[in-house]
Amino acid sequence: MKVLIAIDSFKESISSIKGSEAISKGIKEVYQDSEIVTLPLADGGEGTVDSLVHATEGQLIKMKVTGPLNEKLEAIYGILGDDKTAVIEVASACGLPLIPEKYRNPLLTTTYGVGELISDALDKGCNNFVIGLGGSATNDAGVGMLRALGFHFMDRHNNEVGFGGKVLEDIHKINTEYVNPRLEGCVFNVACDVNNLLYGTEGAAYIFGPQKGASEDMVKELDTGLKHFAHVVLRDLGQDIHNIKGAGAAGGLGAAFYGFLNANLQSGIELILDHIGMKAHMQGADFVITGEGKMDGQTSMGKAPLGVAQMAKKNNIPVIALAGGVTDETSELNELGVTSYFSITSAPMSLEEAMTWKTTYNNLQSTSKQLFRLIRASR
């Protein structure tokens, strides 16, 4: 028997790698000689680096970068097994969890560290990039990242502007003379699962600014800055960075990658499944197991388990989905490729207890064992 395990992390509980290990142990207790392939998943957000590095037998790179409040911190990115592809989660360098809540202020936060990660990967010979957007604490339209890559943004007095969303209104001219020459010919594939434009009531500032610490007045200031910046980019570079689906992702990083680095913005799960070779690994599988911490209506809107299930359905492979919790909306997944789904919660307990690493691990192992006992009996 061949079983493919492709689960997302159970957020704040267990990583996709350790969760896959638990499921594998449960199956092996029933089918000792089974062939088990584990492909830890992510959808472009948290866990993307680990997922792709694990699947391609790549390596993790740790380095000091400039954090969102201009402080030094350690960030991690991955170089895949081909030695030419770097995978970066922007949250590693400018993520919201890096800043205590009382210090969150998108007028000040910068994406400079993301550019430092890209520069380091360029120095190591990478020319292909997979970028996971999401979870940023910034609203600087990627200006910080671009500065780290050699772009210069000048004010009316021909002085370079500072950092953070507050400087966008001050930008008068863009100088591309000193851009890192290694960027030429590079390919950037960006995992982006939001459709927000750069500015306006559905743009980066209005939709995502408040969760990053922006007051009502800050939101208006940030939005004005984004609109001004888009006009300067259109004038100086001939690039429309506003009317692009996903431009407003990660505080405008989507716009920066598209307009300055010619990036492809695409569905996160489709990008990840392609890079880990999911289709090839699925060949010959008798069962596919997928899952995440909570399965609900959001799961059916393009999250990782759905992508796996839809691919398996095309190959007529039964799909078992496991989750810490399921809702009534989860039944929609039965029409989209999930054969059966199960909650792994084994007894009444508090949410805090259920989400501990040890409890989740044991429940995944136990549930998998019982499911495959049933499968063996039915055969």
Protein backbone atom coordinates (compact mmCIF):
# COMPACT_ATOMS: atom_id res chain seq x y z
CA MET A 1 0.00 0.00 0.00
CA LYS A 2 1.19 3.50 -0.86
CA VAL A 3 -0.01 6.45 1.19
CA LEU A 4 0.81 10.07 0.42
CA ILE A 5 0.68 12.37 3.45
CA ALA A 6 0.37 16.06 2.56
CA ILE A 7 -0.86 18.14 5.48
CA ASP A 8 -0.53 21.81 6.35
CA SER A 9 0.68 22.81 9.81
CA PHE A 10 -1.83 22.86 12.64
CA LYS A 11 -1.28 26.53 13.46
CA GLU A 12 0.15 27.21 16.93
CA SER A 13 0.09 23.48 17.60
CA ILE A 14 2.28 21.27 15.41
CA SER A 15 4.34 21.69 12.25
CA SER A 16 3.41 19.90 9.06
CA ILE A 17 6.64 17.88 9.31
CA LYS A 18 5.96 16.57 12.84
CA GLY A 19 2.27 16.07 12.08
CA SER A 20 3.18 13.97 9.05
CA GLU A 21 5.49 11.92 11.24
CA ALA A 22 2.66 11.19 13.68
CA ILE A 23 0.28 10.07 10.91
CA SER A 24 2.98 7.89 9.39
CA LYS A 25 3.56 6.14 12.73
CA GLY A 26 -0.15 5.43 13.08
CA ILE A 27 -0.35 3.87 9.62
CA LYS A 28 2.81 1.80 10.17
CA GLU A 29 1.24 0.24 13.27
CA VAL A 30 -1.34 -1.32 10.94
CA TYR A 31 0.50 -1.66 7.62
CA GLN A 32 4.15 -2.20 8.53
CA ASP A 33 5.27 -2.67 4.93
CA SER A 34 3.39 0.29 3.51
CA GLU A 35 5.15 2.87 1.35
CA ILE A 36 4.59 6.28 2.89
CA VAL A 37 5.54 9.53 1.16
CA THR A 38 5.39 12.71 3.24
CA LEU A 39 5.17 16.11 1.60
CA PRO A 40 4.61 18.77 4.28
CA LEU A 41 2.43 21.56 2.90
CA ALA A 42 2.05 25.29 3.07
CA ASP A 43 0.03 27.73 0.97
CA GLY A 44 2.59 30.52 0.68
CA GLY A 45 2.33 31.64 4.29
CA GLU A 46 3.89 30.23 7.43
CA GLY A 47 5.69 26.95 6.77
CA THR A 48 6.42 27.57 3.09
CA VAL A 49 10.19 27.53 3.55
CA ASP A 50 10.17 24.32 5.61
CA SER A 51 7.79 22.63 3.20
CA LEU A 52 9.81 23.29 0.07
CA VAL A 53 13.20 22.68 1.67
CA HIS A 54 12.00 19.35 3.05
CA ALA A 55 10.45 18.24 -0.25
CA THR A 56 13.55 19.08 -2.32
CA GLU A 57 16.23 18.13 0.22
CA GLY A 58 17.45 21.70 0.26
CA GLN A 59 19.04 23.74 3.03
CA LEU A 60 18.04 26.44 5.48
CA ILE A 61 20.04 29.66 5.61
CA LYS A 62 20.14 31.81 8.75
CA MET A 63 21.33 35.41 8.63
CA LYS A 64 21.07 38.73 10.40
CA VAL A 65 18.78 41.23 8.69
CA THR A 66 17.13 44.55 9.38
CA GLY A 67 13.85 43.92 11.17
CA PRO A 68 10.58 45.80 10.70
CA LEU A 69 11.51 48.48 13.26
CA ASN A 70 15.03 48.86 11.85
CA GLU A 71 16.52 46.53 14.48
CA LYS A 72 18.80 43.56 13.76
CA LEU A 73 17.29 40.09 14.00
CA GLU A 74 17.90 36.56 12.72
CA ALA A 75 15.85 35.49 9.74
CA ILE A 76 15.70 32.21 7.84
CA TYR A 77 15.18 31.41 4.18
CA GLY A 78 15.71 28.28 2.11
CA ILE A 79 17.70 27.21 -0.92
CA LEU A 80 16.07 24.28 -2.67
CA GLY A 81 17.81 21.12 -3.79
CA ASP A 82 18.58 22.53 -7.24
CA ASP A 83 20.88 25.15 -5.61
CA LYS A 84 19.36 27.81 -7.86
CA THR A 85 15.99 28.45 -6.22
CA ALA A 86 15.55 30.46 -3.04
CA VAL A 87 12.32 30.38 -1.05
CA ILE A 88 11.55 33.32 1.22
CA GLU A 89 8.71 34.06 3.61
CA VAL A 90 8.56 37.85 3.95
CA ALA A 91 7.24 37.46 7.50
CA SER A 92 10.63 36.08 8.52
CA ALA A 93 12.08 39.58 8.09
CA CYS A 94 9.08 41.89 8.56
CA GLY A 95 6.35 39.80 10.14
CA LEU A 96 3.73 41.07 12.56
CA PRO A 97 4.73 38.60 15.30
CA LEU A 98 8.18 40.21 15.39
CA ILE A 99 6.72 43.36 16.97
CA PRO A 100 5.02 43.61 20.38
CA GLU A 101 1.49 44.90 19.90
CA LYS A 102 2.12 48.26 21.57
CA TYR A 103 4.94 49.06 19.10
CA ARG A 104 3.09 48.22 15.88
CA ASN A 105 3.00 51.20 13.53
CA PRO A 106 2.94 50.77 9.72
CA LEU A 107 4.04 54.36 9.28
CA LEU A 108 7.43 53.24 10.61
CA THR A 109 7.86 49.57 9.72
CA THR A 110 10.07 48.58 6.82
CA THR A 111 10.55 45.66 4.41
CA TYR A 112 14.31 46.30 4.11
CA GLY A 113 15.15 42.89 5.58
CA VAL A 114 13.30 41.12 2.76
CA GLY A 115 15.64 42.78 0.27
CA GLU A 116 18.62 41.66 2.34
CA LEU A 117 17.44 38.05 2.15
CA ILE A 118 17.07 38.33 -1.63
CA SER A 119 20.53 39.92 -1.94
CA ASP A 120 22.12 37.10 0.06
CA ALA A 121 20.45 34.50 -2.15
CA LEU A 122 21.69 36.32 -5.24
CA ASP A 123 25.22 36.22 -3.82
CA LYS A 124 24.84 32.46 -3.38
CA GLY A 125 23.98 32.00 -7.06
CA CYS A 126 20.19 31.82 -6.92
CA ASN A 127 18.28 33.17 -9.92
CA ASN A 128 14.86 31.72 -9.23
CA PHE A 129 12.75 32.87 -6.27
CA VAL A 130 9.62 31.61 -4.58
CA ILE A 131 8.21 34.32 -2.31
CA GLY A 132 5.54 33.77 0.30
CA LEU A 133 3.59 36.93 1.09
CA GLY A 134 1.48 37.27 4.18
CA GLY A 135 1.78 38.22 7.81
CA SER A 136 3.77 41.41 7.26
CA ALA A 137 3.78 44.30 9.71
CA THR A 138 4.46 46.79 6.93
CA ASN A 139 2.72 49.19 4.57
CA ASP A 140 5.67 50.66 2.69
CA ALA A 141 4.78 49.28 -0.78
CA GLY A 142 8.05 47.36 -0.73
CA VAL A 143 10.19 50.51 -0.81
CA GLY A 144 12.41 49.18 1.98
CA MET A 145 12.99 45.89 0.15
CA LEU A 146 13.72 47.71 -3.09
CA ARG A 147 16.24 50.02 -1.39
CA ALA A 148 18.15 46.97 -0.19
CA LEU A 149 18.29 45.84 -3.83
CA GLY A 150 19.77 49.10 -5.07
CA PHE A 151 16.72 51.18 -6.03
CA HIS A 152 16.86 54.77 -4.76
CA PHE A 153 13.82 56.87 -3.92
CA MET A 154 14.48 60.60 -3.86
CA ASP A 155 12.47 63.50 -2.45
CA ARG A 156 12.04 66.95 -4.05
CA HIS A 157 15.43 68.02 -2.68
CA ASN A 158 17.11 64.98 -4.25
CA ASN A 159 17.71 63.38 -0.85
CA GLU A 160 16.93 59.71 -0.32
CA VAL A 161 13.77 59.14 1.71
CA GLY A 162 13.76 57.18 4.96
CA PHE A 163 11.84 54.07 5.93
CA GLY A 164 8.24 53.11 6.57
CA GLY A 165 4.87 53.94 5.05
CA LYS A 166 5.16 57.56 6.10
CA VAL A 167 7.81 58.29 3.42
CA LEU A 168 5.69 57.30 0.41
CA GLU A 169 4.22 60.78 0.02
CA ASP A 170 7.74 62.24 -0.05
CA ILE A 171 8.96 60.23 -3.03
CA HIS A 172 9.47 62.47 -6.05
CA LYS A 173 11.82 60.46 -8.25
CA ILE A 174 13.04 56.88 -8.67
CA ASN A 175 16.70 56.21 -9.50
CA THR A 176 17.45 52.74 -10.95
CA GLU A 177 21.12 53.38 -11.79
CA TYR A 178 22.48 51.33 -8.90
CA VAL A 179 20.10 48.35 -8.93
CA ASN A 180 21.79 45.02 -8.18
CA PRO A 181 22.80 43.72 -11.64
CA ARG A 182 22.26 40.12 -10.52
CA LEU A 183 18.50 40.76 -10.61
CA GLU A 184 18.57 40.78 -14.40
CA GLY A 185 17.19 37.50 -15.66
CA CYS A 186 15.89 36.39 -12.27
CA VAL A 187 12.42 34.86 -12.02
CA PHE A 188 10.17 35.72 -9.09
CA ASN A 189 7.10 33.59 -8.42
CA VAL A 190 5.04 35.11 -5.64
CA ALA A 191 2.44 33.21 -3.65
CA CYS A 192 -0.43 35.65 -3.28
CA ASP A 193 -3.96 34.64 -2.32
CA VAL A 194 -5.60 38.05 -1.92
CA ASN A 195 -7.01 40.16 -4.75
CA ASN A 196 -6.75 43.61 -3.16
CA LEU A 197 -5.50 46.48 -5.30
CA LEU A 198 -2.81 48.79 -3.96
CA TYR A 199 -4.86 51.71 -2.69
CA GLY A 200 -8.49 52.74 -2.12
CA THR A 201 -11.07 51.41 0.30
CA GLU A 202 -10.24 47.83 -0.72
CA GLY A 203 -6.50 48.48 -0.80
CA ALA A 204 -3.58 47.63 1.46
CA ALA A 205 -4.03 50.41 4.01
CA TYR A 206 -7.79 50.25 4.54
CA ILE A 207 -8.09 46.46 4.60
CA PHE A 208 -4.90 45.41 6.36
CA GLY A 209 -3.63 48.57 8.05
CA PRO A 210 -5.71 48.34 11.25
CA GLN A 211 -4.43 44.87 12.13
CA LYS A 212 -0.90 46.23 11.80
CA GLY A 213 -1.53 48.97 14.33
CA ALA A 214 -2.85 51.79 12.11
CA SER A 215 -5.39 54.22 13.52
CA GLU A 216 -8.12 55.70 11.32
CA ASP A 217 -5.97 58.75 10.60
CA MET A 218 -2.94 56.57 9.86
CA VAL A 219 -4.96 54.53 7.37
CA LYS A 220 -5.86 57.67 5.44
CA GLU A 221 -2.23 58.86 5.45
CA LEU A 222 -0.95 55.48 4.32
CA ASP A 223 -3.52 55.23 1.53
CA THR A 224 -2.62 58.69 0.26
CA GLY A 225 1.03 57.66 0.23
CA LEU A 226 0.33 54.46 -1.69
CA LYS A 227 -1.66 56.38 -4.31
CA HIS A 228 1.11 58.97 -4.69
CA PHE A 229 3.77 56.27 -4.99
CA ALA A 230 1.79 54.42 -7.67
CA HIS A 231 1.59 57.62 -9.74
CA VAL A 232 5.37 58.18 -9.46
CA VAL A 233 6.07 54.60 -10.53
CA LEU A 234 3.72 54.94 -13.51
CA ARG A 235 5.41 58.19 -14.56
CA ASP A 236 9.05 57.10 -14.06
CA LEU A 237 8.92 53.40 -14.92
CA GLY A 238 5.76 53.09 -17.02
CA GLN A 239 4.40 50.41 -14.68
CA ASP A 240 0.83 50.40 -13.36
CA ILE A 241 1.27 48.83 -9.91
CA HIS A 242 -2.23 49.67 -8.68
CA ASN A 243 -4.60 47.80 -10.98
CA ILE A 244 -3.10 44.40 -10.31
CA LYS A 245 -4.92 41.75 -8.30
CA GLY A 246 -2.76 41.16 -5.25
CA ALA A 247 -0.93 44.49 -5.45
CA GLY A 248 -2.11 45.32 -1.93
CA ALA A 249 -0.82 42.08 -0.41
CA ALA A 250 1.69 42.43 2.44
CA GLY A 251 1.32 46.19 2.61
CA GLY A 252 2.01 46.68 -1.09
CA LEU A 253 4.82 44.15 -1.48
CA GLY A 254 2.72 42.51 -4.17
CA ALA A 255 2.90 45.74 -6.16
CA ALA A 256 6.66 46.05 -5.63
CA PHE A 257 7.39 42.52 -6.82
CA TYR A 258 5.17 42.95 -9.86
CA GLY A 259 6.24 46.45 -10.90
CA PHE A 260 9.95 46.40 -10.10
CA LEU A 261 10.94 42.70 -10.31
CA ASN A 262 8.53 41.46 -13.02
CA ALA A 263 7.10 38.85 -10.67
CA ASN A 264 4.29 36.42 -11.36
CA LEU A 265 1.59 36.67 -8.69
CA GLN A 266 -0.26 33.38 -8.37
CA SER A 267 -2.22 31.11 -6.08
CA GLY A 268 -0.07 30.05 -3.16
CA ILE A 269 -1.11 26.42 -3.06
CA GLU A 270 -0.77 25.97 -6.83
CA LEU A 271 2.75 27.38 -6.65
CA ILE A 272 3.75 25.13 -3.75
CA LEU A 273 2.23 21.96 -5.23
CA ASP A 274 4.13 22.58 -8.45
CA HIS A 275 7.48 23.06 -6.71
CA ILE A 276 7.20 19.98 -4.48
CA GLY A 277 6.23 17.77 -7.43
CA MET A 278 2.92 16.75 -5.91
CA LYS A 279 1.53 15.34 -9.15
CA ALA A 280 4.45 12.95 -9.63
CA HIS A 281 4.46 11.82 -5.99
CA MET A 282 0.75 11.10 -6.15
CA GLN A 283 1.13 8.51 -8.90
CA GLY A 284 0.35 5.02 -7.63
CA ALA A 285 -0.99 6.18 -4.26
CA ASP A 286 -3.83 4.17 -2.73
CA PHE A 287 -4.77 6.97 -0.32
CA VAL A 288 -3.93 10.63 0.18
CA ILE A 289 -4.09 12.15 3.64
CA THR A 290 -4.35 15.90 4.00
CA GLY A 291 -5.48 18.30 6.70
CA GLU A 292 -4.90 21.38 8.84
CA GLY A 293 -5.69 22.69 12.31
CA LYS A 294 -9.27 23.71 11.55
CA MET A 295 -11.33 22.83 8.53
CA ASP A 296 -14.18 25.19 7.74
CA GLY A 297 -15.55 27.38 4.97
CA GLN A 298 -12.13 28.96 4.42
CA THR A 299 -10.66 25.56 3.55
CA SER A 300 -12.95 25.36 0.52
CA MET A 301 -11.71 28.73 -0.73
CA GLY A 302 -8.27 27.68 -1.91
CA LYS A 303 -6.30 26.62 1.14
CA ALA A 304 -3.71 23.84 1.04
CA PRO A 305 -5.91 20.78 1.77
CA LEU A 306 -8.31 21.72 -1.01
CA GLY A 307 -5.51 21.95 -3.56
CA VAL A 308 -4.32 18.46 -2.62
CA ALA A 309 -7.84 17.03 -2.67
CA GLN A 310 -8.65 18.44 -6.09
CA MET A 311 -5.48 16.99 -7.58
CA ALA A 312 -6.20 13.60 -6.00
CA LYS A 313 -9.77 13.66 -7.29
CA LYS A 314 -8.50 14.06 -10.85
CA ASN A 315 -6.43 10.92 -10.29
CA ASN A 316 -9.33 8.99 -8.67
CA ILE A 317 -7.48 8.60 -5.36
CA PRO A 318 -9.47 8.57 -2.09
CA VAL A 319 -8.67 11.49 0.20
CA ILE A 320 -8.82 11.44 4.00
CA ALA A 321 -8.71 14.84 5.71
CA LEU A 322 -7.75 15.23 9.38
CA ALA A 323 -8.21 18.35 11.48
CA GLY A 324 -8.23 19.47 15.07
CA GLY A 325 -11.74 20.76 14.54
CA VAL A 326 -14.34 20.72 11.79
CA THR A 327 -17.48 22.80 11.22
CA ASP A 328 -20.74 22.25 9.37
CA GLU A 329 -19.28 24.13 6.41
CA THR A 330 -16.61 21.46 6.02
CA SER A 331 -19.15 19.19 4.29
CA GLU A 332 -18.64 21.31 1.16
CA LEU A 333 -15.27 19.59 0.79
CA ASN A 334 -16.96 16.28 0.01
CA GLU A 335 -18.03 17.75 -3.32
CA LEU A 336 -14.54 19.11 -4.00
CA GLY A 337 -12.41 16.00 -3.64
CA VAL A 338 -12.30 15.05 0.07
CA THR A 339 -13.70 11.53 0.44
CA SER A 340 -14.04 11.72 4.24
CA TYR A 341 -12.90 14.12 6.94
CA PHE A 342 -12.39 13.53 10.65
CA SER A 343 -11.69 15.54 13.78
CA ILE A 344 -8.76 14.11 15.74
CA THR A 345 -10.06 15.42 19.08
CA SER A 346 -10.43 12.28 21.16
CA ALA A 347 -12.12 13.47 24.36
CA PRO A 348 -13.62 16.55 26.01
CA MET A 349 -10.79 18.97 26.77
CA SER A 350 -9.97 22.66 26.76
CA LEU A 351 -8.80 24.32 23.54
CA GLU A 352 -5.49 25.04 25.23
CA GLU A 353 -4.95 21.37 26.04
CA ALA A 354 -6.10 20.22 22.60
CA MET A 355 -3.58 22.51 20.90
CA THR A 356 -0.52 21.35 22.82
CA TRP A 357 2.13 19.74 20.65
CA LYS A 358 2.02 16.43 22.50
CA THR A 359 -1.77 16.09 22.42
CA THR A 360 -1.98 16.89 18.72
CA TYR A 361 0.83 14.45 17.90
CA ASN A 362 -0.79 11.63 19.87
CA ASN A 363 -4.24 12.31 18.43
CA LEU A 364 -2.94 12.32 14.85
CA GLN A 365 -1.16 9.02 15.43
CA SER A 366 -4.11 7.38 17.18
CA THR A 367 -6.72 8.56 14.64
CA SER A 368 -4.58 7.36 11.73
CA LYS A 369 -4.11 3.97 13.35
CA GLN A 370 -7.84 3.49 13.89
CA LEU A 371 -8.72 4.63 10.36
CA PHE A 372 -6.32 2.18 8.78
CA ARG A 373 -7.49 -0.64 11.02
CA LEU A 374 -10.92 0.00 9.52
CA ILE A 375 -9.46 0.07 6.00
CA ARG A 376 -7.66 -3.22 6.61
CA ALA A 377 -10.83 -4.85 7.96
CA SER A 378 -12.90 -3.64 5.00
CA ARG A 379 -10.40 -5.19 2.60
